[in-house]
Amino acid sequence: QLQLVESGGGLVQPGGSLRLSCAASGRTLKNYNIGWFRQAPGKEREGV
């Protein structure tokens, strides 16, 4: 099956930058639409 592993998160100052990665295995990613989501403490998941 398709497996997804995120990386690239960390601590950054306001105004800074990060690049997150989503690496797939088990399947060919070209056959899939991809969405990024986030969830903050006390909040519901939201699409990004």
All heavy atoms as atom14 arrays in JSON, in Angstrom:
{
  "sequence": "QLQLVESGGGLVQPGGSLRLSCAASGRTLKNYNIGWFRQAPGKEREGV",
  "atom14_mask": [
    [1, 1, 1, 1, 1, 1, 1, 1, 1, 0, 0, 0, 0, 0],
    [1, 1, 1, 1, 1, 1, 1, 1, 0, 0, 0, 0, 0, 0],
    [1, 1, 1, 1, 1, 1, 1, 1, 1, 0, 0, 0, 0, 0],
    [1, 1, 1, 1, 1, 1, 1, 1, 0, 0, 0, 0, 0, 0],
    [1, 1, 1, 1, 1, 1, 1, 0, 0, 0, 0, 0, 0, 0],
    [1, 1, 1, 1, 1, 1, 1, 1, 1, 0, 0, 0, 0, 0],
    [1, 1, 1, 1, 1, 1, 0, 0, 0, 0, 0, 0, 0, 0],
    [1, 1, 1, 1, 0, 0, 0, 0, 0, 0, 0, 0, 0, 0],
    [1, 1, 1, 1, 0, 0, 0, 0, 0, 0, 0, 0, 0, 0],
    [1, 1, 1, 1, 0, 0, 0, 0, 0, 0, 0, 0, 0, 0],
    [1, 1, 1, 1, 1, 1, 1, 1, 0, 0, 0, 0, 0, 0],
    [1, 1, 1, 1, 1, 1, 1, 0, 0, 0, 0, 0, 0, 0],
    [1, 1, 1, 1, 1, 1, 1, 1, 1, 0, 0, 0, 0, 0],
    [1, 1, 1, 1, 1, 1, 1, 0, 0, 0, 0, 0, 0, 0],
    [1, 1, 1, 1, 0, 0, 0, 0, 0, 0, 0, 0, 0, 0],
    [1, 1, 1, 1, 0, 0, 0, 0, 0, 0, 0, 0, 0, 0],
    [1, 1, 1, 1, 1, 1, 0, 0, 0, 0, 0, 0, 0, 0],
    [1, 1, 1, 1, 1, 1, 1, 1, 0, 0, 0, 0, 0, 0],
    [1, 1, 1, 1, 1, 1, 1, 1, 1, 1, 1, 0, 0, 0],
    [1, 1, 1, 1, 1, 1, 1, 1, 0, 0, 0, 0, 0, 0],
    [1, 1, 1, 1, 1, 1, 0, 0, 0, 0, 0, 0, 0, 0],
    [1, 1, 1, 1, 1, 1, 0, 0, 0, 0, 0, 0, 0, 0],
    [1, 1, 1, 1, 1, 0, 0, 0, 0, 0, 0, 0, 0, 0],
    [1, 1, 1, 1, 1, 0, 0, 0, 0, 0, 0, 0, 0, 0],
    [1, 1, 1, 1, 1, 1, 0, 0, 0, 0, 0, 0, 0, 0],
    [1, 1, 1, 1, 0, 0, 0, 0, 0, 0, 0, 0, 0, 0],
    [1, 1, 1, 1, 1, 1, 1, 1, 1, 1, 1, 0, 0, 0],
    [1, 1, 1, 1, 1, 1, 1, 0, 0, 0, 0, 0, 0, 0],
    [1, 1, 1, 1, 1, 1, 1, 1, 0, 0, 0, 0, 0, 0],
    [1, 1, 1, 1, 1, 1, 1, 1, 1, 0, 0, 0, 0, 0],
    [1, 1, 1, 1, 1, 1, 1, 1, 0, 0, 0, 0, 0, 0],
    [1, 1, 1, 1, 1, 1, 1, 1, 1, 1, 1, 1, 0, 0],
    [1, 1, 1, 1, 1, 1, 1, 1, 0, 0, 0, 0, 0, 0],
    [1, 1, 1, 1, 1, 1, 1, 1, 0, 0, 0, 0, 0, 0],
    [1, 1, 1, 1, 0, 0, 0, 0, 0, 0, 0, 0, 0, 0],
    [1, 1, 1, 1, 1, 1, 1, 1, 1, 1, 1, 1, 1, 1],
    [1, 1, 1, 1, 1, 1, 1, 1, 1, 1, 1, 0, 0, 0],
    [1, 1, 1, 1, 1, 1, 1, 1, 1, 1, 1, 0, 0, 0],
    [1, 1, 1, 1, 1, 1, 1, 1, 1, 0, 0, 0, 0, 0],
    [1, 1, 1, 1, 1, 0, 0, 0, 0, 0, 0, 0, 0, 0],
    [1, 1, 1, 1, 1, 1, 1, 0, 0, 0, 0, 0, 0, 0],
    [1, 1, 1, 1, 0, 0, 0, 0, 0, 0, 0, 0, 0, 0],
    [1, 1, 1, 1, 1, 1, 1, 1, 1, 0, 0, 0, 0, 0],
    [1, 1, 1, 1, 1, 1, 1, 1, 1, 0, 0, 0, 0, 0],
    [1, 1, 1, 1, 1, 1, 1, 1, 1, 1, 1, 0, 0, 0],
    [1, 1, 1, 1, 1, 1, 1, 1, 1, 0, 0, 0, 0, 0],
    [1, 1, 1, 1, 0, 0, 0, 0, 0, 0, 0, 0, 0, 0],
    [1, 1, 1, 1, 1, 1, 1, 0, 0, 0, 0, 0, 0, 0]
  ],
  "atom14_positions": [
    [[0.82, -1.17, 0.0], [0.0, 0.0, 0.0], [0.87, 1.24, 0.0], [2.06, 1.18, 0.28], [-0.95, 0.0, 1.2], [-0.25, 0.08, 2.53], [-1.24, 0.18, 3.68], [-2.45, 0.04, 3.48], [-0.73, 0.41, 4.88], [0.0, 0.0, 0.0], [0.0, 0.0, 0.0], [0.0, 0.0, 0.0], [0.0, 0.0, 0.0], [0.0, 0.0, 0.0]],
    [[0.25, 2.36, -0.27], [0.96, 3.63, -0.27], [1.28, 4.06, 1.15], [0.4, 4.09, 2.01], [0.13, 4.7, -0.97], [0.75, 6.1, -1.04], [1.99, 6.1, -1.93], [-0.28, 7.1, -1.55], [0.0, 0.0, 0.0], [0.0, 0.0, 0.0], [0.0, 0.0, 0.0], [0.0, 0.0, 0.0], [0.0, 0.0, 0.0], [0.0, 0.0, 0.0]],
    [[2.54, 4.42, 1.38], [2.97, 4.95, 2.66], [3.55, 6.34, 2.45], [4.26, 6.57, 1.47], [4.01, 4.04, 3.3], [3.47, 2.67, 3.68], [4.54, 1.74, 4.21], [5.52, 1.45, 3.53], [4.36, 1.28, 5.44], [0.0, 0.0, 0.0], [0.0, 0.0, 0.0], [0.0, 0.0, 0.0], [0.0, 0.0, 0.0], [0.0, 0.0, 0.0]],
    [[3.25, 7.24, 3.37], [3.69, 8.62, 3.29], [4.44, 8.99, 4.55], [3.97, 8.7, 5.66], [2.49, 9.56, 3.11], [1.59, 9.29, 1.9], [0.35, 10.18, 1.98], [2.35, 9.54, 0.6], [0.0, 0.0, 0.0], [0.0, 0.0, 0.0], [0.0, 0.0, 0.0], [0.0, 0.0, 0.0], [0.0, 0.0, 0.0], [0.0, 0.0, 0.0]],
    [[5.58, 9.64, 4.4], [6.39, 10.06, 5.53], [6.76, 11.52, 5.34], [7.44, 11.87, 4.36], [7.65, 9.21, 5.68], [8.48, 9.7, 6.86], [7.29, 7.75, 5.89], [0.0, 0.0, 0.0], [0.0, 0.0, 0.0], [0.0, 0.0, 0.0], [0.0, 0.0, 0.0], [0.0, 0.0, 0.0], [0.0, 0.0, 0.0], [0.0, 0.0, 0.0]],
    [[6.35, 12.36, 6.28], [6.68, 13.78, 6.24], [7.99, 14.04, 6.96], [8.36, 13.33, 7.89], [5.58, 14.62, 6.9], [4.19, 14.42, 6.31], [3.39, 13.36, 7.04], [3.99, 12.47, 7.69], [2.14, 13.41, 6.96], [0.0, 0.0, 0.0], [0.0, 0.0, 0.0], [0.0, 0.0, 0.0], [0.0, 0.0, 0.0], [0.0, 0.0, 0.0]],
    [[8.67, 15.09, 6.53], [9.89, 15.53, 7.19], [10.08, 17.02, 6.93], [9.4, 17.6, 6.09], [11.1, 14.74, 6.7], [11.33, 14.94, 5.32], [0.0, 0.0, 0.0], [0.0, 0.0, 0.0], [0.0, 0.0, 0.0], [0.0, 0.0, 0.0], [0.0, 0.0, 0.0], [0.0, 0.0, 0.0], [0.0, 0.0, 0.0], [0.0, 0.0, 0.0]],
    [[11.01, 17.61, 7.64], [11.36, 19.0, 7.41], [10.84, 19.97, 8.44], [11.18, 21.16, 8.4], [0.0, 0.0, 0.0], [0.0, 0.0, 0.0], [0.0, 0.0, 0.0], [0.0, 0.0, 0.0], [0.0, 0.0, 0.0], [0.0, 0.0, 0.0], [0.0, 0.0, 0.0], [0.0, 0.0, 0.0], [0.0, 0.0, 0.0], [0.0, 0.0, 0.0]],
    [[10.02, 19.51, 9.37], [9.52, 20.39, 10.4], [10.59, 20.75, 11.4], [11.69, 20.19, 11.4], [0.0, 0.0, 0.0], [0.0, 0.0, 0.0], [0.0, 0.0, 0.0], [0.0, 0.0, 0.0], [0.0, 0.0, 0.0], [0.0, 0.0, 0.0], [0.0, 0.0, 0.0], [0.0, 0.0, 0.0], [0.0, 0.0, 0.0], [0.0, 0.0, 0.0]],
    [[10.28, 21.71, 12.25], [11.21, 22.14, 13.27], [10.81, 23.46, 13.84], [9.7, 23.96, 13.63], [0.0, 0.0, 0.0], [0.0, 0.0, 0.0], [0.0, 0.0, 0.0], [0.0, 0.0, 0.0], [0.0, 0.0, 0.0], [0.0, 0.0, 0.0], [0.0, 0.0, 0.0], [0.0, 0.0, 0.0], [0.0, 0.0, 0.0], [0.0, 0.0, 0.0]],
    [[11.73, 24.06, 14.58], [11.53, 25.36, 15.21], [12.08, 26.45, 14.3], [13.23, 26.37, 13.86], [12.21, 25.41, 16.57], [12.17, 26.73, 17.32], [10.74, 27.1, 17.67], [13.03, 26.65, 18.57], [0.0, 0.0, 0.0], [0.0, 0.0, 0.0], [0.0, 0.0, 0.0], [0.0, 0.0, 0.0], [0.0, 0.0, 0.0], [0.0, 0.0, 0.0]],
    [[11.27, 27.46, 14.04], [11.68, 28.56, 13.18], [11.13, 29.86, 13.75], [10.05, 29.88, 14.36], [11.2, 28.33, 11.73], [9.67, 28.3, 11.67], [11.76, 29.38, 10.79], [0.0, 0.0, 0.0], [0.0, 0.0, 0.0], [0.0, 0.0, 0.0], [0.0, 0.0, 0.0], [0.0, 0.0, 0.0], [0.0, 0.0, 0.0], [0.0, 0.0, 0.0]],
    [[11.86, 30.94, 13.57], [11.42, 32.24, 14.04], [10.34, 32.81, 13.12], [10.28, 32.47, 11.94], [12.6, 33.21, 14.11], [13.64, 32.85, 15.15], [14.75, 33.87, 15.23], [14.94, 34.68, 14.33], [15.49, 33.85, 16.33], [0.0, 0.0, 0.0], [0.0, 0.0, 0.0], [0.0, 0.0, 0.0], [0.0, 0.0, 0.0], [0.0, 0.0, 0.0]],
    [[9.48, 33.67, 13.64], [8.53, 34.35, 12.77], [9.24, 35.03, 11.6], [10.28, 35.67, 11.77], [7.87, 35.37, 13.7], [7.99, 34.76, 15.06], [9.33, 34.05, 15.06], [0.0, 0.0, 0.0], [0.0, 0.0, 0.0], [0.0, 0.0, 0.0], [0.0, 0.0, 0.0], [0.0, 0.0, 0.0], [0.0, 0.0, 0.0], [0.0, 0.0, 0.0]],
    [[8.66, 34.87, 10.43], [9.27, 35.39, 9.22], [10.22, 34.43, 8.55], [10.65, 34.69, 7.42], [0.0, 0.0, 0.0], [0.0, 0.0, 0.0], [0.0, 0.0, 0.0], [0.0, 0.0, 0.0], [0.0, 0.0, 0.0], [0.0, 0.0, 0.0], [0.0, 0.0, 0.0], [0.0, 0.0, 0.0], [0.0, 0.0, 0.0], [0.0, 0.0, 0.0]],
    [[10.51, 33.34, 9.2], [11.42, 32.35, 8.65], [10.74, 31.42, 7.66], [9.56, 31.55, 7.36], [0.0, 0.0, 0.0], [0.0, 0.0, 0.0], [0.0, 0.0, 0.0], [0.0, 0.0, 0.0], [0.0, 0.0, 0.0], [0.0, 0.0, 0.0], [0.0, 0.0, 0.0], [0.0, 0.0, 0.0], [0.0, 0.0, 0.0], [0.0, 0.0, 0.0]],
    [[11.51, 30.46, 7.17], [11.05, 29.55, 6.14], [11.38, 28.11, 6.49], [12.36, 27.83, 7.19], [11.68, 29.89, 4.79], [11.34, 31.19, 4.36], [0.0, 0.0, 0.0], [0.0, 0.0, 0.0], [0.0, 0.0, 0.0], [0.0, 0.0, 0.0], [0.0, 0.0, 0.0], [0.0, 0.0, 0.0], [0.0, 0.0, 0.0], [0.0, 0.0, 0.0]],
    [[10.57, 27.21, 5.99], [10.81, 25.78, 6.07], [10.32, 25.14, 4.79], [9.39, 25.64, 4.16], [10.07, 25.15, 7.25], [10.59, 25.4, 8.67], [9.6, 24.81, 9.67], [11.96, 24.79, 8.85], [0.0, 0.0, 0.0], [0.0, 0.0, 0.0], [0.0, 0.0, 0.0], [0.0, 0.0, 0.0], [0.0, 0.0, 0.0], [0.0, 0.0, 0.0]],
    [[10.94, 24.04, 4.44], [10.44, 23.23, 3.35], [10.12, 21.84, 3.88], [11.01, 21.12, 4.34], [11.43, 23.11, 2.19], [10.8, 22.45, 0.96], [11.73, 22.31, -0.21], [12.7, 21.25, -0.03], [13.4, 20.68, -1.02], [13.23, 21.11, -2.27], [14.28, 19.74, -0.76], [0.0, 0.0, 0.0], [0.0, 0.0, 0.0], [0.0, 0.0, 0.0]],
    [[8.86, 21.5, 3.83], [8.41, 20.19, 4.24], [8.43, 19.23, 3.05], [8.17, 19.63, 1.92], [7.0, 20.25, 4.82], [6.75, 21.28, 5.92], [5.33, 21.14, 6.44], [7.76, 21.12, 7.05], [0.0, 0.0, 0.0], [0.0, 0.0, 0.0], [0.0, 0.0, 0.0], [0.0, 0.0, 0.0], [0.0, 0.0, 0.0], [0.0, 0.0, 0.0]],
    [[8.73, 17.99, 3.34], [8.75, 16.96, 2.31], [7.78, 15.85, 2.68], [7.58, 15.54, 3.85], [10.15, 16.37, 2.14], [11.07, 17.34, 1.72], [0.0, 0.0, 0.0], [0.0, 0.0, 0.0], [0.0, 0.0, 0.0], [0.0, 0.0, 0.0], [0.0, 0.0, 0.0], [0.0, 0.0, 0.0], [0.0, 0.0, 0.0], [0.0, 0.0, 0.0]],
    [[7.19, 15.26, 1.67], [6.31, 14.11, 1.83], [6.82, 13.04, 0.88], [6.61, 13.13, -0.33], [4.87, 14.5, 1.52], [3.69, 13.13, 1.56], [0.0, 0.0, 0.0], [0.0, 0.0, 0.0], [0.0, 0.0, 0.0], [0.0, 0.0, 0.0], [0.0, 0.0, 0.0], [0.0, 0.0, 0.0], [0.0, 0.0, 0.0], [0.0, 0.0, 0.0]],
    [[7.48, 12.05, 1.44], [8.07, 10.99, 0.65], [7.15, 9.78, 0.64], [6.68, 9.34, 1.69], [9.43, 10.59, 1.21], [0.0, 0.0, 0.0], [0.0, 0.0, 0.0], [0.0, 0.0, 0.0], [0.0, 0.0, 0.0], [0.0, 0.0, 0.0], [0.0, 0.0, 0.0], [0.0, 0.0, 0.0], [0.0, 0.0, 0.0], [0.0, 0.0, 0.0]],
    [[6.9, 9.25, -0.54], [5.99, 8.12, -0.7], [6.77, 6.85, -1.0], [7.84, 6.88, -1.63], [4.99, 8.39, -1.81], [0.0, 0.0, 0.0], [0.0, 0.0, 0.0], [0.0, 0.0, 0.0], [0.0, 0.0, 0.0], [0.0, 0.0, 0.0], [0.0, 0.0, 0.0], [0.0, 0.0, 0.0], [0.0, 0.0, 0.0], [0.0, 0.0, 0.0]],
    [[6.21, 5.74, -0.58], [6.76, 4.44, -0.89], [5.62, 3.44, -1.04], [4.51, 3.69, -0.59], [7.75, 3.97, 0.18], [7.1, 3.83, 1.44], [0.0, 0.0, 0.0], [0.0, 0.0, 0.0], [0.0, 0.0, 0.0], [0.0, 0.0, 0.0], [0.0, 0.0, 0.0], [0.0, 0.0, 0.0], [0.0, 0.0, 0.0], [0.0, 0.0, 0.0]],
    [[5.91, 2.34, -1.67], [4.92, 1.29, -1.84], [4.1, 1.42, -3.12], [3.62, 0.41, -3.65], [0.0, 0.0, 0.0], [0.0, 0.0, 0.0], [0.0, 0.0, 0.0], [0.0, 0.0, 0.0], [0.0, 0.0, 0.0], [0.0, 0.0, 0.0], [0.0, 0.0, 0.0], [0.0, 0.0, 0.0], [0.0, 0.0, 0.0], [0.0, 0.0, 0.0]],
    [[3.92, 2.64, -3.59], [3.18, 2.91, -4.81], [3.84, 4.04, -5.57], [4.69, 4.75, -5.02], [1.72, 3.28, -4.5], [0.93, 2.26, -3.71], [0.58, 1.05, -4.53], [-0.26, 0.13, -3.77], [-0.68, -1.04, -4.21], [-0.35, -1.45, -5.44], [-1.44, -1.81, -3.44], [0.0, 0.0, 0.0], [0.0, 0.0, 0.0], [0.0, 0.0, 0.0]],
    [[3.43, 4.21, -6.8], [3.93, 5.3, -7.62], [3.11, 6.55, -7.34], [1.9, 6.58, -7.6], [3.86, 4.93, -9.1], [4.64, 3.77, -9.35], [4.38, 6.07, -9.96], [0.0, 0.0, 0.0], [0.0, 0.0, 0.0], [0.0, 0.0, 0.0], [0.0, 0.0, 0.0], [0.0, 0.0, 0.0], [0.0, 0.0, 0.0], [0.0, 0.0, 0.0]],
    [[3.77, 7.57, -6.84], [3.07, 8.77, -6.4], [2.4, 9.5, -7.54], [1.45, 10.26, -7.32], [4.04, 9.69, -5.65], [3.41, 10.83, -4.84], [2.48, 10.28, -3.77], [4.5, 11.7, -4.24], [0.0, 0.0, 0.0], [0.0, 0.0, 0.0], [0.0, 0.0, 0.0], [0.0, 0.0, 0.0], [0.0, 0.0, 0.0], [0.0, 0.0, 0.0]],
    [[2.87, 9.31, -8.74], [2.32, 10.03, -9.88], [0.85, 9.72, -10.12], [0.18, 10.44, -10.87], [3.12, 9.73, -11.15], [3.0, 8.29, -11.62], [3.82, 8.07, -12.89], [3.7, 6.64, -13.38], [4.49, 6.41, -14.63], [0.0, 0.0, 0.0], [0.0, 0.0, 0.0], [0.0, 0.0, 0.0], [0.0, 0.0, 0.0], [0.0, 0.0, 0.0]],
    [[0.34, 8.66, -9.5], [-1.06, 8.28, -9.67], [-1.97, 8.92, -8.63], [-3.17, 8.61, -8.61], [-1.21, 6.77, -9.6], [-0.54, 6.07, -10.76], [-0.51, 6.57, -11.88], [0.01, 4.88, -10.5], [0.0, 0.0, 0.0], [0.0, 0.0, 0.0], [0.0, 0.0, 0.0], [0.0, 0.0, 0.0], [0.0, 0.0, 0.0], [0.0, 0.0, 0.0]],
    [[-1.44, 9.8, -7.8], [-2.2, 10.33, -6.67], [-2.21, 11.84, -6.63], [-1.19, 12.5, -6.88], [-1.63, 9.81, -5.35], [-1.71, 8.31, -5.19], [-0.7, 7.5, -5.67], [-2.8, 7.72, -4.57], [-0.78, 6.11, -5.54], [-2.88, 6.35, -4.43], [-1.87, 5.55, -4.91], [-1.95, 4.19, -4.78], [0.0, 0.0, 0.0], [0.0, 0.0, 0.0]],
    [[-3.36, 12.4, -6.29], [-3.42, 13.77, -5.83], [-2.9, 13.82, -4.4], [-3.11, 12.88, -3.62], [-4.85, 14.3, -5.85], [-5.38, 14.52, -7.26], [-4.72, 14.25, -8.25], [-6.6, 15.03, -7.34], [0.0, 0.0, 0.0], [0.0, 0.0, 0.0], [0.0, 0.0, 0.0], [0.0, 0.0, 0.0], [0.0, 0.0, 0.0], [0.0, 0.0, 0.0]],
    [[-2.24, 14.92, -4.03], [-1.67, 15.07, -2.7], [-2.22, 16.33, -2.04], [-2.32, 17.38, -2.68], [-0.14, 15.15, -2.75], [0.45, 13.88, -3.38], [0.42, 15.37, -1.34], [0.2, 12.61, -2.58], [0.0, 0.0, 0.0], [0.0, 0.0, 0.0], [0.0, 0.0, 0.0], [0.0, 0.0, 0.0], [0.0, 0.0, 0.0], [0.0, 0.0, 0.0]],
    [[-2.57, 16.2, -0.78], [-2.99, 17.34, 0.01], [-2.12, 17.49, 1.24], [-1.67, 16.5, 1.82], [0.0, 0.0, 0.0], [0.0, 0.0, 0.0], [0.0, 0.0, 0.0], [0.0, 0.0, 0.0], [0.0, 0.0, 0.0], [0.0, 0.0, 0.0], [0.0, 0.0, 0.0], [0.0, 0.0, 0.0], [0.0, 0.0, 0.0], [0.0, 0.0, 0.0]],
    [[-1.87, 18.74, 1.61], [-1.21, 19.06, 2.88], [-2.26, 19.58, 3.85], [-3.11, 20.4, 3.48], [-0.11, 20.09, 2.71], [1.18, 19.53, 2.18], [1.61, 19.52, 0.89], [2.22, 18.93, 2.95], [2.84, 18.94, 0.8], [3.25, 18.56, 2.05], [2.39, 18.65, 4.31], [4.43, 17.94, 2.47], [3.56, 18.02, 4.72], [4.55, 17.68, 3.8]],
    [[-2.17, 19.12, 5.09], [-3.08, 19.52, 6.15], [-2.27, 19.94, 7.37], [-1.08, 19.65, 7.47], [-4.01, 18.36, 6.54], [-4.9, 17.88, 5.44], [-4.42, 17.09, 4.42], [-6.25, 18.22, 5.44], [-5.24, 16.64, 3.4], [-7.1, 17.77, 4.43], [-6.58, 16.99, 3.41], [0.0, 0.0, 0.0], [0.0, 0.0, 0.0], [0.0, 0.0, 0.0]],
    [[-2.94, 20.6, 8.29], [-2.3, 20.93, 9.56], [-3.33, 20.92, 10.67], [-4.52, 21.15, 10.44], [-1.58, 22.28, 9.51], [-2.5, 23.48, 9.38], [-1.69, 24.75, 9.23], [-2.5, 25.94, 9.14], [-2.04, 27.15, 8.89], [-0.73, 27.34, 8.71], [-2.86, 28.19, 8.84], [0.0, 0.0, 0.0], [0.0, 0.0, 0.0], [0.0, 0.0, 0.0]],
    [[-2.85, 20.66, 11.87], [-3.71, 20.68, 13.04], [-2.94, 21.3, 14.2], [-1.92, 20.78, 14.62], [-4.2, 19.29, 13.41], [-5.23, 19.29, 14.53], [-5.92, 17.96, 14.7], [-5.39, 16.92, 14.31], [-7.1, 17.98, 15.29], [0.0, 0.0, 0.0], [0.0, 0.0, 0.0], [0.0, 0.0, 0.0], [0.0, 0.0, 0.0], [0.0, 0.0, 0.0]],
    [[-3.45, 22.41, 14.7], [-2.87, 23.08, 15.84], [-3.54, 22.58, 17.11], [-4.67, 22.09, 17.08], [-3.04, 24.59, 15.71], [0.0, 0.0, 0.0], [0.0, 0.0, 0.0], [0.0, 0.0, 0.0], [0.0, 0.0, 0.0], [0.0, 0.0, 0.0], [0.0, 0.0, 0.0], [0.0, 0.0, 0.0], [0.0, 0.0, 0.0], [0.0, 0.0, 0.0]],
    [[-2.86, 22.71, 18.25], [-3.47, 22.27, 19.51], [-4.81, 22.95, 19.75], [-4.94, 24.17, 19.64], [-2.44, 22.69, 20.56], [-1.14, 22.71, 19.83], [-1.49, 23.2, 18.45], [0.0, 0.0, 0.0], [0.0, 0.0, 0.0], [0.0, 0.0, 0.0], [0.0, 0.0, 0.0], [0.0, 0.0, 0.0], [0.0, 0.0, 0.0], [0.0, 0.0, 0.0]],
    [[-5.81, 22.15, 20.07], [-7.13, 22.68, 20.35], [-7.94, 23.06, 19.14], [-9.06, 23.58, 19.29], [0.0, 0.0, 0.0], [0.0, 0.0, 0.0], [0.0, 0.0, 0.0], [0.0, 0.0, 0.0], [0.0, 0.0, 0.0], [0.0, 0.0, 0.0], [0.0, 0.0, 0.0], [0.0, 0.0, 0.0], [0.0, 0.0, 0.0], [0.0, 0.0, 0.0]],
    [[-7.43, 22.82, 17.96], [-8.14, 23.15, 16.74], [-8.36, 21.92, 15.88], [-7.66, 20.92, 16.02], [-7.38, 24.21, 15.93], [-7.3, 25.57, 16.6], [-6.69, 26.6, 15.67], [-6.68, 27.98, 16.29], [-6.11, 28.99, 15.35], [0.0, 0.0, 0.0], [0.0, 0.0, 0.0], [0.0, 0.0, 0.0], [0.0, 0.0, 0.0], [0.0, 0.0, 0.0]],
    [[-9.32, 22.02, 15.0], [-9.58, 20.93, 14.07], [-8.61, 20.96, 12.91], [-7.98, 21.98, 12.61], [-11.02, 21.01, 13.55], [-12.08, 20.79, 14.62], [-13.47, 20.77, 14.05], [-13.65, 21.05, 12.84], [-14.41, 20.47, 14.81], [0.0, 0.0, 0.0], [0.0, 0.0, 0.0], [0.0, 0.0, 0.0], [0.0, 0.0, 0.0], [0.0, 0.0, 0.0]],
    [[-8.48, 19.82, 12.27], [-7.65, 19.74, 11.08], [-8.15, 20.68, 10.0], [-9.35, 20.84, 9.8], [-7.66, 18.3, 10.56], [-6.82, 18.07, 9.32], [-7.22, 16.76, 8.66], [-8.55, 16.85, 8.06], [-9.24, 15.82, 7.59], [-8.74, 14.59, 7.7], [-10.43, 16.0, 7.04], [0.0, 0.0, 0.0], [0.0, 0.0, 0.0], [0.0, 0.0, 0.0]],
    [[-7.22, 21.31, 9.31], [-7.58, 22.14, 8.18], [-6.69, 21.84, 7.0], [-5.51, 21.53, 7.14], [-7.5, 23.63, 8.54], [-6.1, 24.12, 8.86], [-6.02, 25.63, 9.03], [-6.89, 26.34, 8.48], [-5.09, 26.1, 9.71], [0.0, 0.0, 0.0], [0.0, 0.0, 0.0], [0.0, 0.0, 0.0], [0.0, 0.0, 0.0], [0.0, 0.0, 0.0]],
    [[-7.27, 21.93, 5.84], [-6.5, 21.77, 4.63], [-5.66, 23.0, 4.35], [-6.1, 24.13, 4.55], [0.0, 0.0, 0.0], [0.0, 0.0, 0.0], [0.0, 0.0, 0.0], [0.0, 0.0, 0.0], [0.0, 0.0, 0.0], [0.0, 0.0, 0.0], [0.0, 0.0, 0.0], [0.0, 0.0, 0.0], [0.0, 0.0, 0.0], [0.0, 0.0, 0.0]],
    [[-4.44, 22.79, 3.89], [-3.51, 23.86, 3.6], [-3.33, 24.06, 2.11], [-3.37, 25.18, 1.6], [-2.15, 23.6, 4.28], [-1.14, 24.66, 3.88], [-2.31, 23.55, 5.79], [0.0, 0.0, 0.0], [0.0, 0.0, 0.0], [0.0, 0.0, 0.0], [0.0, 0.0, 0.0], [0.0, 0.0, 0.0], [0.0, 0.0, 0.0], [0.0, 0.0, 0.0]]
  ]
}
